[in-house]
Amino acid sequence: MTEQSLQQDRIQKRQYWEAKISRWKESGMSQAEYCRGHDLKIKTFSYWLRKFRNILGSNILGSGLEK
């Protein structure tokens, strides 16, 4: 894989998880409920949630992230 291809893959993965986390926040479900209902691994979901929190800060992501 080329460097450009790897970078594109990383961008697509980030966008995928950004969308999943956004939909989870809108759902009102707990993290576990959302992951079970969408066939996601809770550890992977939590990893990306922490990653976005570290990048954007919890204030930007809004409240309710601890569900």
Protein backbone atom coordinates (compact mmCIF):
# COMPACT_ATOMS: atom_id res chain seq x y z
CA MET A 1 0.00 0.00 0.00
CA THR A 2 1.19 3.48 -0.74
CA GLU A 3 1.40 6.21 1.87
CA GLN A 4 -1.49 8.01 0.17
CA SER A 5 -3.60 4.86 0.31
CA LEU A 6 -2.82 4.36 4.00
CA GLN A 7 -3.74 7.96 4.74
CA GLN A 8 -7.03 7.56 2.86
CA ASP A 9 -7.81 4.41 4.87
CA ARG A 10 -7.18 6.28 8.13
CA ILE A 11 -9.43 9.13 7.05
CA GLN A 12 -12.23 6.72 6.13
CA LYS A 13 -11.90 4.85 9.42
CA ARG A 14 -12.03 8.10 11.40
CA GLN A 15 -15.11 9.24 9.48
CA TYR A 16 -16.80 5.88 10.06
CA TRP A 17 -16.28 6.06 13.83
CA GLU A 18 -17.14 9.73 13.98
CA ALA A 19 -20.51 8.91 12.40
CA LYS A 20 -21.09 5.93 14.75
CA ILE A 21 -20.37 8.06 17.82
CA SER A 22 -22.59 10.86 16.58
CA ARG A 23 -25.47 8.42 15.99
CA TRP A 24 -24.92 6.87 19.41
CA LYS A 25 -25.17 10.30 21.07
CA GLU A 26 -28.44 10.96 19.25
CA SER A 27 -29.83 7.54 20.16
CA GLY A 28 -30.05 8.08 23.91
CA MET A 29 -28.78 4.52 24.45
CA SER A 30 -25.94 3.46 26.68
CA GLN A 31 -22.68 2.62 24.92
CA ALA A 32 -23.25 -1.09 25.58
CA GLU A 33 -26.82 -1.02 24.23
CA TYR A 34 -25.76 0.84 21.10
CA CYS A 35 -22.85 -1.51 20.45
CA ARG A 36 -25.00 -4.63 20.92
CA GLY A 37 -27.68 -3.25 18.63
CA HIS A 38 -25.17 -2.31 15.92
CA ASP A 39 -22.83 -5.30 16.19
CA LEU A 40 -19.88 -3.21 17.39
CA LYS A 41 -17.19 -4.21 19.85
CA ILE A 42 -17.53 -2.08 22.98
CA LYS A 43 -13.75 -1.89 23.44
CA THR A 44 -13.26 -0.57 19.91
CA PHE A 45 -16.13 1.88 20.35
CA SER A 46 -14.66 3.11 23.65
CA TYR A 47 -11.22 3.48 22.07
CA TRP A 48 -12.58 5.77 19.36
CA LEU A 49 -14.70 7.71 21.83
CA ARG A 50 -11.60 8.38 23.96
CA LYS A 51 -9.61 9.29 20.86
CA PHE A 52 -12.20 11.89 19.80
CA ARG A 53 -12.44 13.23 23.34
CA ASN A 54 -8.67 13.72 23.43
CA ILE A 55 -8.65 15.43 20.05
CA LEU A 56 -11.78 17.57 20.39
CA GLY A 57 -12.27 17.82 24.13
CA SER A 58 -15.36 16.70 25.99
CA ASN A 59 -16.98 20.15 25.76
CA ILE A 60 -17.08 20.02 21.98
CA LEU A 61 -18.56 16.52 21.98
CA GLY A 62 -21.20 17.56 24.45
CA SER A 63 -22.57 15.97 27.57
CA GLY A 64 -23.87 12.46 27.94
CA LEU A 65 -20.70 10.72 26.83
CA GLU A 66 -20.49 8.66 30.00
CA LYS A 67 -23.67 6.68 29.34
